[in-house]
PDB file of N, CA and C in Angstrom:
ATOM      1  N   MET A   1     113.224  80.718 122.060  1.00  0.00           N
ATOM      2  CA  MET A   1     112.315  80.784 120.915  1.00  0.00           C
ATOM      3  C   MET A   1     111.551  82.096 120.964  1.00  0.00           C
ATOM      4  N   GLY A   2     111.701  82.942 119.963  1.00  0.00           N
ATOM      5  CA  GLY A   2     111.002  84.221 119.905  1.00  0.00           C
ATOM      6  C   GLY A   2     109.647  84.074 119.264  1.00  0.00           C
ATOM      7  N   ILE A   3     108.846  85.133 119.365  1.00  0.00           N
ATOM      8  CA  ILE A   3     107.505  85.104 118.782  1.00  0.00           C
ATOM      9  C   ILE A   3     107.552  84.923 117.269  1.00  0.00           C
ATOM     10  N   ARG A   4     108.634  85.383 116.628  1.00  0.00           N
ATOM     11  CA  ARG A   4     108.753  85.246 115.183  1.00  0.00           C
ATOM     12  C   ARG A   4     108.810  83.788 114.743  1.00  0.00           C
ATOM     13  N   SER A   5     109.289  82.925 115.608  1.00  0.00           N
ATOM     14  CA  SER A   5     109.399  81.514 115.225  1.00  0.00           C
ATOM     15  C   SER A   5     108.081  80.769 115.400  1.00  0.00           C
ATOM     16  N   LEU A   6     107.057  81.439 115.937  1.00  0.00           N
ATOM     17  CA  LEU A   6     105.771  80.785 116.165  1.00  0.00           C
ATOM     18  C   LEU A   6     104.886  80.742 114.926  1.00  0.00           C
ATOM     19  N   GLY A   7     105.129  81.615 113.978  1.00  0.00           N
ATOM     20  CA  GLY A   7     104.276  81.707 112.807  1.00  0.00           C
ATOM     21  C   GLY A   7     104.437  80.526 111.866  1.00  0.00           C
ATOM     22  N   LYS A   8     103.454  80.401 110.998  1.00  0.00           N
ATOM     23  CA  LYS A   8     103.474  79.357 109.976  1.00  0.00           C
ATOM     24  C   LYS A   8     103.988  79.950 108.673  1.00  0.00           C
ATOM     25  N   ARG A   9     104.807  79.191 107.979  1.00  0.00           N
ATOM     26  CA  ARG A   9     105.373  79.655 106.705  1.00  0.00           C
ATOM     27  C   ARG A   9     104.504  79.140 105.553  1.00  0.00           C
ATOM     28  N   TYR A  10     104.246  80.047 104.608  1.00  0.00           N
ATOM     29  CA  TYR A  10     103.501  79.715 103.391  1.00  0.00           C
ATOM     30  C   TYR A  10     104.405  80.005 102.203  1.00  0.00           C
ATOM     31  N   ARG A  11     104.335  79.147 101.201  1.00  0.00           N
ATOM     32  CA  ARG A  11     105.119  79.341  99.985  1.00  0.00           C
ATOM     33  C   ARG A  11     104.376  80.260  99.013  1.00  0.00           C
ATOM     34  N   SER A  12     105.106  80.839  98.111  1.00  0.00           N
ATOM     35  CA  SER A  12     104.548  81.765  97.130  1.00  0.00           C
ATOM     36  C   SER A  12     103.336  81.149  96.421  1.00  0.00           C
ATOM     37  N   GLY A  13     102.224  81.894  96.391  1.00  0.00           N
ATOM     38  CA  GLY A  13     101.005  81.439  95.734  1.00  0.00           C
ATOM     39  C   GLY A  13     100.092  80.597  96.603  1.00  0.00           C
ATOM     40  N   GLU A  14     100.563  80.176  97.752  1.00  0.00           N
ATOM     41  CA  GLU A  14      99.766  79.332  98.642  1.00  0.00           C
ATOM     42  C   GLU A  14      98.691  80.176  99.336  1.00  0.00           C
ATOM     43  N   SER A  15      97.464  79.646  99.408  1.00  0.00           N
ATOM     44  CA  SER A  15      96.366  80.356 100.076  1.00  0.00           C
ATOM     45  C   SER A  15      96.506  80.270 101.579  1.00  0.00           C
ATOM     46  N   ILE A  16      96.330  81.405 102.234  1.00  0.00           N
ATOM     47  CA  ILE A  16      96.337  81.464 103.694  1.00  0.00           C
ATOM     48  C   ILE A  16      94.900  81.397 104.184  1.00  0.00           C
ATOM     49  N   VAL A  17      94.029  82.194 103.570  1.00  0.00           N
ATOM     50  CA  VAL A  17      92.577  82.103 103.799  1.00  0.00           C
ATOM     51  C   VAL A  17      91.889  82.194 102.443  1.00  0.00           C
ATOM     52  N   CYS A  18      90.680  81.631 102.370  1.00  0.00           N
ATOM     53  CA  CYS A  18      89.935  81.617 101.113  1.00  0.00           C
ATOM     54  C   CYS A  18      88.580  82.300 101.277  1.00  0.00           C
ATOM     55  N   GLN A  19      88.244  83.124 100.313  1.00  0.00           N
ATOM     56  CA  GLN A  19      86.953  83.794 100.292  1.00  0.00           C
ATOM     57  C   GLN A  19      85.845  82.753 100.421  1.00  0.00           C
ATOM     58  N   GLY A  20      84.887  83.030 101.316  1.00  0.00           N
ATOM     59  CA  GLY A  20      83.748  82.138 101.497  1.00  0.00           C
ATOM     60  C   GLY A  20      83.944  81.064 102.557  1.00  0.00           C
ATOM     61  N   ALA A  21      85.176  80.872 103.023  1.00  0.00           N
ATOM     62  CA  ALA A  21      85.441  79.864 104.052  1.00  0.00           C
ATOM     63  C   ALA A  21      85.108  80.430 105.433  1.00  0.00           C
ATOM     64  N   ALA A  22      84.734  79.542 106.348  1.00  0.00           N
ATOM     65  CA  ALA A  22      84.486  79.958 107.726  1.00  0.00           C
ATOM     66  C   ALA A  22      85.808  80.370 108.358  1.00  0.00           C
ATOM     67  N   GLY A  23      85.746  81.324 109.269  1.00  0.00           N
ATOM     68  CA  GLY A  23      86.955  81.773 109.939  1.00  0.00           C
ATOM     69  C   GLY A  23      86.695  82.057 111.407  1.00  0.00           C
ATOM     70  N   ASN A  24      87.717  81.874 112.225  1.00  0.00           N
ATOM     71  CA  ASN A  24      87.580  82.170 113.651  1.00  0.00           C
ATOM     72  C   ASN A  24      88.866  82.757 114.240  1.00  0.00           C
ATOM     73  N   CYS A  25      89.729  83.282 113.362  1.00  0.00           N
ATOM     74  CA  CYS A  25      90.983  83.851 113.835  1.00  0.00           C
ATOM     75  C   CYS A  25      91.446  84.934 112.862  1.00  0.00           C
ATOM     76  N   MET A  26      92.436  85.684 113.305  1.00  0.00           N
ATOM     77  CA  MET A  26      93.046  86.692 112.450  1.00  0.00           C
ATOM     78  C   MET A  26      94.521  86.341 112.283  1.00  0.00           C
ATOM     79  N   TYR A  27      95.200  87.067 111.428  1.00  0.00           N
ATOM     80  CA  TYR A  27      96.586  86.764 111.099  1.00  0.00           C
ATOM     81  C   TYR A  27      97.415  88.039 111.108  1.00  0.00           C
ATOM     82  N   VAL A  28      98.685  87.903 111.483  1.00  0.00           N
ATOM     83  CA  VAL A  28      99.638  89.003 111.424  1.00  0.00           C
ATOM     84  C   VAL A  28     100.822  88.529 110.592  1.00  0.00           C
ATOM     85  N   ILE A  29     101.210  89.329 109.611  1.00  0.00           N
ATOM     86  CA  ILE A  29     102.347  88.965 108.768  1.00  0.00           C
ATOM     87  C   ILE A  29     103.634  89.278 109.526  1.00  0.00           C
ATOM     88  N   GLN A  30     104.430  88.248 109.741  1.00  0.00           N
ATOM     89  CA  GLN A  30     105.703  88.404 110.444  1.00  0.00           C
ATOM     90  C   GLN A  30     106.853  88.672 109.479  1.00  0.00           C
ATOM     91  N   GLU A  31     106.811  88.026 108.330  1.00  0.00           N
ATOM     92  CA  GLU A  31     107.842  88.196 107.298  1.00  0.00           C
ATOM     93  C   GLU A  31     107.182  88.046 105.937  1.00  0.00           C
ATOM     94  N   GLY A  32     107.607  88.855 104.986  1.00  0.00           N
ATOM     95  CA  GLY A  32     107.135  88.711 103.620  1.00  0.00           C
ATOM     96  C   GLY A  32     105.908  89.543 103.324  1.00  0.00           C
ATOM     97  N   GLN A  33     105.229  89.165 102.236  1.00  0.00           N
ATOM     98  CA  GLN A  33     104.054  89.899 101.778  1.00  0.00           C
ATOM     99  C   GLN A  33     102.952  88.920 101.380  1.00  0.00           C
ATOM    100  N   ALA A  34     101.727  89.428 101.394  1.00  0.00           N
ATOM    101  CA  ALA A  34     100.571  88.635 100.976  1.00  0.00           C
ATOM    102  C   ALA A  34      99.655  89.506 100.129  1.00  0.00           C
ATOM    103  N   GLU A  35      98.954  88.866  99.219  1.00  0.00           N
ATOM    104  CA  GLU A  35      98.033  89.550  98.317  1.00  0.00           C
ATOM    105  C   GLU A  35      96.601  89.232  98.732  1.00  0.00           C
ATOM    106  N   VAL A  36      95.776  90.270  98.819  1.00  0.00           N
ATOM    107  CA  VAL A  36      94.358  90.121  99.155  1.00  0.00           C
ATOM    108  C   VAL A  36      93.557  90.347  97.888  1.00  0.00           C
ATOM    109  N   TYR A  37      92.667  89.417  97.587  1.00  0.00           N
ATOM    110  CA  TYR A  37      91.812  89.623  96.418  1.00  0.00           C
ATOM    111  C   TYR A  37      90.452  88.984  96.632  1.00  0.00           C
ATOM    112  N   ARG A  38      89.475  89.493  95.881  1.00  0.00           N
ATOM    113  CA  ARG A  38      88.114  88.955  95.890  1.00  0.00           C
ATOM    114  C   ARG A  38      87.791  88.446  94.510  1.00  0.00           C
ATOM    115  N   GLU A  39      86.992  87.432  94.486  1.00  0.00           N
ATOM    116  CA  GLU A  39      86.482  86.958  93.204  1.00  0.00           C
ATOM    117  C   GLU A  39      85.090  87.541  93.033  1.00  0.00           C
ATOM    118  N   GLU A  40      84.894  88.241  91.923  1.00  0.00           N
ATOM    119  CA  GLU A  40      83.610  88.851  91.592  1.00  0.00           C
ATOM    120  C   GLU A  40      83.302  88.538  90.134  1.00  0.00           C
ATOM    121  N   ASN A  41      82.163  87.916  89.893  1.00  0.00           N
ATOM    122  CA  ASN A  41      81.731  87.598  88.530  1.00  0.00           C
ATOM    123  C   ASN A  41      82.802  86.844  87.745  1.00  0.00           C
ATOM    124  N   GLY A  42      83.469  85.901  88.410  1.00  0.00           N
ATOM    125  CA  GLY A  42      84.472  85.076  87.751  1.00  0.00           C
ATOM    126  C   GLY A  42      85.819  85.742  87.550  1.00  0.00           C
ATOM    127  N   ARG A  43      85.981  86.961  88.046  1.00  0.00           N
ATOM    128  CA  ARG A  43      87.254  87.683  87.920  1.00  0.00           C
ATOM    129  C   ARG A  43      87.879  87.883  89.290  1.00  0.00           C
ATOM    130  N   GLU A  44      89.200  87.791  89.351  1.00  0.00           N
ATOM    131  CA  GLU A  44      89.919  88.088  90.587  1.00  0.00           C
ATOM    132  C   GLU A  44      90.259  89.573  90.605  1.00  0.00           C
ATOM    133  N   ILE A  45      89.843  90.250  91.661  1.00  0.00           N
ATOM    134  CA  ILE A  45      90.107  91.676  91.811  1.00  0.00           C
ATOM    135  C   ILE A  45      91.063  91.862  92.983  1.00  0.00           C
ATOM    136  N   ARG A  46      92.240  92.391  92.680  1.00  0.00           N
ATOM    137  CA  ARG A  46      93.242  92.609  93.728  1.00  0.00           C
ATOM    138  C   ARG A  46      92.804  93.781  94.603  1.00  0.00           C
ATOM    139  N   MET A  47      92.744  93.523  95.900  1.00  0.00           N
ATOM    140  CA  MET A  47      92.294  94.538  96.846  1.00  0.00           C
ATOM    141  C   MET A  47      93.463  95.235  97.531  1.00  0.00           C
ATOM    142  N   ALA A  48      94.518  94.465  97.835  1.00  0.00           N
ATOM    143  CA  ALA A  48      95.644  95.045  98.582  1.00  0.00           C
ATOM    144  C   ALA A  48      96.826  94.095  98.567  1.00  0.00           C
ATOM    145  N   VAL A  49      97.980  94.666  98.852  1.00  0.00           N
ATOM    146  CA  VAL A  49      99.177  93.887  99.140  1.00  0.00           C
ATOM    147  C   VAL A  49      99.569  94.243 100.565  1.00  0.00           C
ATOM    148  N   LEU A  50      99.689  93.242 101.403  1.00  0.00           N
ATOM    149  CA  LEU A  50     100.026  93.443 102.811  1.00  0.00           C
ATOM    150  C   LEU A  50     101.484  93.088 103.042  1.00  0.00           C
ATOM    151  N   LYS A  51     102.092  93.776 103.994  1.00  0.00           N
ATOM    152  CA  LYS A  51     103.515  93.565 104.277  1.00  0.00           C
ATOM    153  C   LYS A  51     103.710  93.226 105.761  1.00  0.00           C
ATOM    154  N   GLU A  52     104.953  93.028 106.130  1.00  0.00           N
ATOM    155  CA  GLU A  52     105.305  92.701 107.503  1.00  0.00           C
ATOM    156  C   GLU A  52     104.660  93.691 108.482  1.00  0.00           C
ATOM    157  N   GLY A  53     104.007  93.139 109.509  1.00  0.00           N
ATOM    158  CA  GLY A  53     103.337  93.956 110.515  1.00  0.00           C
ATOM    159  C   GLY A  53     101.871  94.182 110.235  1.00  0.00           C
ATOM    160  N   ASP A  54     101.433  93.987 108.985  1.00  0.00           N
ATOM    161  CA  ASP A  54     100.017  94.135 108.652  1.00  0.00           C
ATOM    162  C   ASP A  54      99.234  92.922 109.146  1.00  0.00           C
ATOM    163  N   PHE A  55      97.942  93.124 109.344  1.00  0.00           N
ATOM    164  CA  PHE A  55      97.081  92.019 109.778  1.00  0.00           C
ATOM    165  C   PHE A  55      95.902  91.892 108.831  1.00  0.00           C
ATOM    166  N   PHE A  56      95.274  90.719 108.869  1.00  0.00           N
ATOM    167  CA  PHE A  56      94.074  90.473 108.059  1.00  0.00           C
ATOM    168  C   PHE A  56      93.248  89.390 108.732  1.00  0.00           C
ATOM    169  N   GLY A  57      92.004  89.259 108.289  1.00  0.00           N
ATOM    170  CA  GLY A  57      91.107  88.248 108.854  1.00  0.00           C
ATOM    171  C   GLY A  57      90.481  88.670 110.167  1.00  0.00           C
ATOM    172  N   GLU A  58      90.690  89.933 110.561  1.00  0.00           N
ATOM    173  CA  GLU A  58      90.215  90.404 111.862  1.00  0.00           C
ATOM    174  C   GLU A  58      88.697  90.410 111.977  1.00  0.00           C
ATOM    175  N   MET A  59      87.988  90.521 110.852  1.00  0.00           N
ATOM    176  CA  MET A  59      86.527  90.560 110.920  1.00  0.00           C
ATOM    177  C   MET A  59      85.965  89.287 111.543  1.00  0.00           C
ATOM    178  N   SER A  60      86.636  88.160 111.341  1.00  0.00           N
ATOM    179  CA  SER A  60      86.117  86.905 111.898  1.00  0.00           C
ATOM    180  C   SER A  60      86.255  86.850 113.414  1.00  0.00           C
ATOM    181  N   ILE A  61      87.081  87.713 113.999  1.00  0.00           N
ATOM    182  CA  ILE A  61      87.168  87.811 115.457  1.00  0.00           C
ATOM    183  C   ILE A  61      85.891  88.462 115.995  1.00  0.00           C
ATOM    184  N   PHE A  62      85.291  89.365 115.201  1.00  0.00           N
ATOM    185  CA  PHE A  62      84.146  90.148 115.654  1.00  0.00           C
ATOM    186  C   PHE A  62      82.795  89.604 115.207  1.00  0.00           C
ATOM    187  N   ASP A  63      82.765  88.863 114.117  1.00  0.00           N
ATOM    188  CA  ASP A  63      81.496  88.310 113.652  1.00  0.00           C
ATOM    189  C   ASP A  63      81.704  86.857 113.228  1.00  0.00           C
ATOM    190  N   ARG A  64      80.649  86.227 112.844  1.00  0.00           N
ATOM    191  CA  ARG A  64      80.743  84.810 112.455  1.00  0.00           C
ATOM    192  C   ARG A  64      80.489  84.629 110.974  1.00  0.00           C
ATOM    193  N   GLU A  65      80.786  85.646 110.214  1.00  0.00           N
ATOM    194  CA  GLU A  65      80.602  85.586 108.771  1.00  0.00           C
ATOM    195  C   GLU A  65      81.767  84.851 108.120  1.00  0.00           C
ATOM    196  N   VAL A  66      81.555  84.433 106.890  1.00  0.00           N
ATOM    197  CA  VAL A  66      82.628  83.768 106.143  1.00  0.00           C
ATOM    198  C   VAL A  66      83.665  84.799 105.707  1.00  0.00           C
ATOM    199  N   ARG A  67      84.809  84.319 105.285  1.00  0.00           N
ATOM    200  CA  ARG A  67      85.900  85.194 104.841  1.00  0.00           C
ATOM    201  C   ARG A  67      85.440  86.024 103.649  1.00  0.00           C
ATOM    202  N   ALA A  68      85.749  87.319 103.698  1.00  0.00           N
ATOM    203  CA  ALA A  68      85.321  88.249 102.653  1.00  0.00           C
ATOM    204  C   ALA A  68      86.259  88.257 101.457  1.00  0.00           C
ATOM    205  N   ALA A  69      87.461  87.704 101.624  1.00  0.00           N
ATOM    206  CA  ALA A  69      88.453  87.736 100.553  1.00  0.00           C
ATOM    207  C   ALA A  69      89.409  86.558 100.704  1.00  0.00           C
ATOM    208  N   THR A  70      90.170  86.329  99.664  1.00  0.00           N
ATOM    209  CA  THR A  70      91.237  85.327  99.679  1.00  0.00           C
ATOM    210  C   THR A  70      92.548  86.056  99.906  1.00  0.00           C
ATOM    211  N   VAL A  71      93.415  85.440 100.690  1.00  0.00           N
ATOM    212  CA  VAL A  71      94.752  85.997 100.913  1.00  0.00           C
ATOM    213  C   VAL A  71      95.756  84.909 100.556  1.00  0.00           C
ATOM    214  N   LYS A  72      96.672  85.263  99.646  1.00  0.00           N
ATOM    215  CA  LYS A  72      97.704  84.323  99.207  1.00  0.00           C
ATOM    216  C   LYS A  72      99.085  84.901  99.472  1.00  0.00           C
ATOM    217  N   ALA A  73     100.027  83.991  99.704  1.00  0.00           N
ATOM    218  CA  ALA A  73     101.415  84.398  99.885  1.00  0.00           C
ATOM    219  C   ALA A  73     101.942  84.985  98.588  1.00  0.00           C
ATOM    220  N   LEU A  74     102.612  86.110  98.707  1.00  0.00           N
ATOM    221  CA  LEU A  74     103.244  86.770  97.571  1.00  0.00           C
ATOM    222  C   LEU A  74     104.744  86.610  97.801  1.00  0.00           C
ATOM    223  N   GLY A  75     105.289  85.501  97.322  1.00  0.00           N
ATOM    224  CA  GLY A  75     106.619  85.083  97.749  1.00  0.00           C
ATOM    225  C   GLY A  75     106.455  84.305  99.047  1.00  0.00           C
ATOM    226  N   ASP A  76     107.535  83.888  99.637  1.00  0.00           N
ATOM    227  CA  ASP A  76     107.448  83.180 100.917  1.00  0.00           C
ATOM    228  C   ASP A  76     107.042  84.164 102.006  1.00  0.00           C
ATOM    229  N   VAL A  77     106.162  83.714 102.890  1.00  0.00           N
ATOM    230  CA  VAL A  77     105.659  84.580 103.958  1.00  0.00           C
ATOM    231  C   VAL A  77     105.495  83.764 105.238  1.00  0.00           C
ATOM    232  N   ARG A  78     105.726  84.399 106.376  1.00  0.00           N
ATOM    233  CA  ARG A  78     105.480  83.770 107.687  1.00  0.00           C
ATOM    234  C   ARG A  78     104.373  84.570 108.359  1.00  0.00           C
ATOM    235  N   VAL A  79     103.341  83.844 108.840  1.00  0.00           N
ATOM    236  CA  VAL A  79     102.149  84.479 109.376  1.00  0.00           C
ATOM    237  C   VAL A  79     101.820  83.884 110.744  1.00  0.00           C
ATOM    238  N   LEU A  80     101.528  84.760 111.693  1.00  0.00           N
ATOM    239  CA  LEU A  80     101.118  84.348 113.034  1.00  0.00           C
ATOM    240  C   LEU A  80      99.594  84.317 113.084  1.00  0.00           C
ATOM    241  N   THR A  81      99.020  83.238 113.591  1.00  0.00           N
ATOM    242  CA  THR A  81      97.574  83.089 113.743  1.00  0.00           C
ATOM    243  C   THR A  81      97.179  83.486 115.157  1.00  0.00           C
ATOM    244  N   ILE A  82      96.117  84.292 115.278  1.00  0.00           N
ATOM    245  CA  ILE A  82      95.640  84.738 116.590  1.00  0.00           C
ATOM    246  C   ILE A  82      94.150  84.432 116.685  1.00  0.00           C
ATOM    247  N   ASP A  83      93.783  83.564 117.633  1.00  0.00           N
ATOM    248  CA  ASP A  83      92.364  83.248 117.821  1.00  0.00           C
ATOM    249  C   ASP A  83      91.720  84.292 118.742  1.00  0.00           C
ATOM    250  N   LYS A  84      90.407  84.228 118.884  1.00  0.00           N
ATOM    251  CA  LYS A  84      89.664  85.234 119.644  1.00  0.00           C
ATOM    252  C   LYS A  84      90.106  85.278 121.103  1.00  0.00           C
ATOM    253  N   LYS A  85      90.306  84.138 121.714  1.00  0.00           N
ATOM    254  CA  LYS A  85      90.706  84.087 123.120  1.00  0.00           C
ATOM    255  C   LYS A  85      92.058  84.780 123.326  1.00  0.00           C
ATOM    256  N   THR A  86      93.011  84.488 122.467  1.00  0.00           N
ATOM    257  CA  THR A  86      94.332  85.114 122.547  1.00  0.00           C
ATOM    258  C   THR A  86      94.219  86.611 122.293  1.00  0.00           C
ATOM    259  N   PHE A  87      93.406  86.974 121.315  1.00  0.00           N
ATOM    260  CA  PHE A  87      93.182  88.383 120.984  1.00  0.00           C
ATOM    261  C   PHE A  87      92.643  89.138 122.196  1.00  0.00           C
ATOM    262  N   MET A  88      91.640  88.590 122.859  1.00  0.00           N
ATOM    263  CA  MET A  88      91.040  89.247 124.019  1.00  0.00           C
ATOM    264  C   MET A  88      92.050  89.380 125.166  1.00  0.00           C
ATOM    265  N   ARG A  89      92.838  88.358 125.371  1.00  0.00           N
ATOM    266  CA  ARG A  89      93.886  88.423 126.410  1.00  0.00           C
ATOM    267  C   ARG A  89      94.883  89.531 126.111  1.00  0.00           C
ATOM    268  N   ARG A  90      95.309  89.620 124.850  1.00  0.00           N
ATOM    269  CA  ARG A  90      96.289  90.640 124.457  1.00  0.00           C
ATOM    270  C   ARG A  90      95.720  92.044 124.633  1.00  0.00           C
ATOM    271  N   ILE A  91      94.445  92.228 124.338  1.00  0.00           N
ATOM    272  CA  ILE A  91      93.819  93.539 124.494  1.00  0.00           C
ATOM    273  C   ILE A  91      93.705  93.916 125.967  1.00  0.00           C
ATOM    274  N   GLN A  92      93.436  92.936 126.816  1.00  0.00           N
ATOM    275  CA  GLN A  92      93.383  93.235 128.253  1.00  0.00           C
ATOM    276  C   GLN A  92      94.741  93.704 128.758  1.00  0.00           C
ATOM    277  N   LYS A  93      95.801  93.108 128.246  1.00  0.00           N
ATOM    278  CA  LYS A  93      97.154  93.498 128.658  1.00  0.00           C
ATOM    279  C   LYS A  93      97.562  94.832 128.048  1.00  0.00           C
ATOM    280  N   ASP A  94      97.121  95.103 126.822  1.00  0.00           N
ATOM    281  CA  ASP A  94      97.519  96.311 126.106  1.00  0.00           C
ATOM    282  C   ASP A  94      96.331  96.863 125.313  1.00  0.00           C
ATOM    283  N   PRO A  95      95.501  97.690 125.973  1.00  0.00           N
ATOM    284  CA  PRO A  95      94.317  98.229 125.295  1.00  0.00           C
ATOM    285  C   PRO A  95      94.638  99.039 124.039  1.00  0.00           C
ATOM    286  N   SER A  96      95.837  99.568 123.914  1.00  0.00           N
ATOM    287  CA  SER A  96      96.175 100.343 122.716  1.00  0.00           C
ATOM    288  C   SER A  96      96.155  99.458 121.467  1.00  0.00           C
ATOM    289  N   LEU A  97      96.295  98.152 121.636  1.00  0.00           N
ATOM    290  CA  LEU A  97      96.207  97.219 120.508  1.00  0.00           C
ATOM    291  C   LEU A  97      94.827  97.316 119.856  1.00  0.00           C
ATOM    292  N   ALA A  98      93.784  97.403 120.673  1.00  0.00           N
ATOM    293  CA  ALA A  98      92.423  97.533 120.136  1.00  0.00           C
ATOM    294  C   ALA A  98      92.298  98.821 119.340  1.00  0.00           C
ATOM    295  N   PHE A  99      92.864  99.908 119.851  1.00  0.00           N
ATOM    296  CA  PHE A  99      92.814 101.180 119.129  1.00  0.00           C
ATOM    297  C   PHE A  99      93.519 101.065 117.779  1.00  0.00           C
ATOM    298  N   ASP A 100      94.671 100.422 117.754  1.00  0.00           N
ATOM    299  CA  ASP A 100      95.416 100.255 116.504  1.00  0.00           C
ATOM    300  C   ASP A 100      94.605  99.478 115.475  1.00  0.00           C
ATOM    301  N   ILE A 101      93.924  98.447 115.924  1.00  0.00           N
ATOM    302  CA  ILE A 101      93.123  97.636 115.005  1.00  0.00           C
ATOM    303  C   ILE A 101      91.929  98.434 114.496  1.00  0.00           C
ATOM    304  N   VAL A 102      91.247  99.146 115.386  1.00  0.00           N
ATOM    305  CA  VAL A 102      90.107  99.961 114.962  1.00  0.00           C
ATOM    306  C   VAL A 102      90.571 101.056 114.008  1.00  0.00           C
ATOM    307  N   ARG A 103      91.716 101.664 114.263  1.00  0.00           N
ATOM    308  CA  ARG A 103      92.239 102.698 113.369  1.00  0.00           C
ATOM    309  C   ARG A 103      92.496 102.119 111.970  1.00  0.00           C
ATOM    310  N   THR A 104      93.113 100.946 111.917  1.00  0.00           N
ATOM    311  CA  THR A 104      93.384 100.314 110.620  1.00  0.00           C
ATOM    312  C   THR A 104      92.083  99.960 109.907  1.00  0.00           C
ATOM    313  N   MET A 105      91.125  99.416 110.644  1.00  0.00           N
ATOM    314  CA  MET A 105      89.838  99.087 110.031  1.00  0.00           C
ATOM    315  C   MET A 105      89.146 100.358 109.516  1.00  0.00           C
ATOM    316  N   SER A 106      89.249 101.450 110.265  1.00  0.00           N
ATOM    317  CA  SER A 106      88.666 102.719 109.848  1.00  0.00           C
ATOM    318  C   SER A 106      89.327 103.209 108.557  1.00  0.00           C
ATOM    319  N   GLN A 107      90.637 103.103 108.459  1.00  0.00           N
ATOM    320  CA  GLN A 107      91.346 103.511 107.244  1.00  0.00           C
ATOM    321  C   GLN A 107      90.900 102.668 106.050  1.00  0.00           C
ATOM    322  N   ARG A 108      90.699 101.370 106.292  1.00  0.00           N
ATOM    323  CA  ARG A 108      90.253 100.499 105.209  1.00  0.00           C
ATOM    324  C   ARG A 108      88.852 100.867 104.746  1.00  0.00           C
ATOM    325  N   ILE A 109      87.962 101.172 105.693  1.00  0.00           N
ATOM    326  CA  ILE A 109      86.600 101.572 105.340  1.00  0.00           C
ATOM    327  C   ILE A 109      86.623 102.893 104.580  1.00  0.00           C
ATOM    328  N   ARG A 110      87.438 103.835 105.022  1.00  0.00           N
ATOM    329  CA  ARG A 110      87.557 105.127 104.336  1.00  0.00           C
ATOM    330  C   ARG A 110      88.017 104.913 102.893  1.00  0.00           C
ATOM    331  N   GLN A 111      89.003 104.043 102.694  1.00  0.00           N
ATOM    332  CA  GLN A 111      89.496 103.763 101.347  1.00  0.00           C
ATOM    333  C   GLN A 111      88.407 103.097 100.498  1.00  0.00           C
ATOM    334  N   LEU A 112      87.664 102.174 101.094  1.00  0.00           N
ATOM    335  CA  LEU A 112      86.562 101.533 100.370  1.00  0.00           C
ATOM    336  C   LEU A 112      85.505 102.555  99.957  1.00  0.00           C
ATOM    337  N   ASN A 113      85.215 103.506 100.841  1.00  0.00           N
ATOM    338  CA  ASN A 113      84.259 104.564 100.505  1.00  0.00           C
ATOM    339  C   ASN A 113      84.754 105.382  99.318  1.00  0.00           C
ATOM    340  N   CYS A 114      86.023 105.724  99.299  1.00  0.00           N
ATOM    341  CA  CYS A 114      86.598 106.478  98.170  1.00  0.00           C
ATOM    342  C   CYS A 114      86.516 105.656  96.886  1.00  0.00           C
ATOM    343  N   ASP A 115      86.880 104.381  96.981  1.00  0.00           N
ATOM    344  CA  ASP A 115      86.832 103.509  95.810  1.00  0.00           C
ATOM    345  C   ASP A 115      85.400 103.393  95.273  1.00  0.00           C
ATOM    346  N   LEU A 116      84.445 103.261  96.173  1.00  0.00           N
ATOM    347  CA  LEU A 116      83.044 103.151  95.772  1.00  0.00           C
ATOM    348  C   LEU A 116      82.569 104.436  95.097  1.00  0.00           C
ATOM    349  N   ALA A 117      82.949 105.583  95.649  1.00  0.00           N
ATOM    350  CA  ALA A 117      82.557 106.863  95.054  1.00  0.00           C
ATOM    351  C   ALA A 117      83.149 107.009  93.653  1.00  0.00           C
ATOM    352  N   GLU A 118      84.412 106.629  93.485  1.00  0.00           N
ATOM    353  CA  GLU A 118      85.038 106.691  92.160  1.00  0.00           C
ATOM    354  C   GLU A 118      84.341 105.775  91.171  1.00  0.00           C
ATOM    355  N   MET A 119      84.008 104.582  91.632  1.00  0.00           N
ATOM    356  CA  MET A 119      83.337 103.622  90.759  1.00  0.00           C
ATOM    357  C   MET A 119      81.968 104.155  90.328  1.00  0.00           C
ATOM    358  N   ARG A 120      81.237 104.734  91.249  1.00  0.00           N
ATOM    359  CA  ARG A 120      79.926 105.281  90.908  1.00  0.00           C
ATOM    360  C   ARG A 120      80.046 106.473  89.968  1.00  0.00           C
ATOM    361  N   ALA A 121      81.083 107.280  90.168  1.00  0.00           N
ATOM    362  CA  ALA A 121      81.305 108.425  89.281  1.00  0.00           C
ATOM    363  C   ALA A 121      81.583 107.941  87.861  1.00  0.00           C
ATOM    364  N   ARG A 122      82.393 106.876  87.716  1.00  0.00           N
ATOM    365  CA  ARG A 122      82.678 106.334  86.389  1.00  0.00           C
ATOM    366  C   ARG A 122      81.424 105.783  85.744  1.00  0.00           C
ATOM    367  N   GLU A 123      80.567 105.120  86.531  1.00  0.00           N
ATOM    368  CA  GLU A 123      79.321 104.576  85.993  1.00  0.00           C
ATOM    369  C   GLU A 123      78.398 105.692  85.522  1.00  0.00           C
ATOM    370  N   THR A 124      78.375 106.809  86.235  1.00  0.00           N
ATOM    371  CA  THR A 124      77.543 107.949  85.890  1.00  0.00           C
ATOM    372  C   THR A 124      78.013 108.573  84.578  1.00  0.00           C
ATOM    373  N   GLU A 125      79.341 108.580  84.362  1.00  0.00           N
ATOM    374  CA  GLU A 125      79.896 109.163  83.142  1.00  0.00           C
ATOM    375  C   GLU A 125      79.545 108.339  81.908  1.00  0.00           C
ATOM    376  N   LYS A 126      79.296 107.075  82.075  1.00  0.00           N
ATOM    377  CA  LYS A 126      79.005 106.196  80.925  1.00  0.00           C
ATOM    378  C   LYS A 126      77.691 106.457  80.353  1.00  0.00           C
TER     379      LYS A 126
END
């Protein structure tokens, strides 16, 4: 049995995590794609499409806040769940994993900063 067979399969449109729900683990997409979106003022805003090898929900490993977004299967998807204890063990065995996660989080923050600047520029033009 390989690690790929350990993940849980979700059908297209099925929620993997929901915005506002408590969380205590992160997820890695093993097969397929997932859509990340936030609900703001009654509208769903698509934030990203994640593919095989991408991860999400990592913030709940570091803090005890509720989920910041909803993630749904975009087609059939298989996702591996990683709790904090497993995450810490994996980092002890391979510290470069922590660097990879921090790098990805940094890229996401950089993109959010760009998006915020563009949004403010559009508001200023109005």
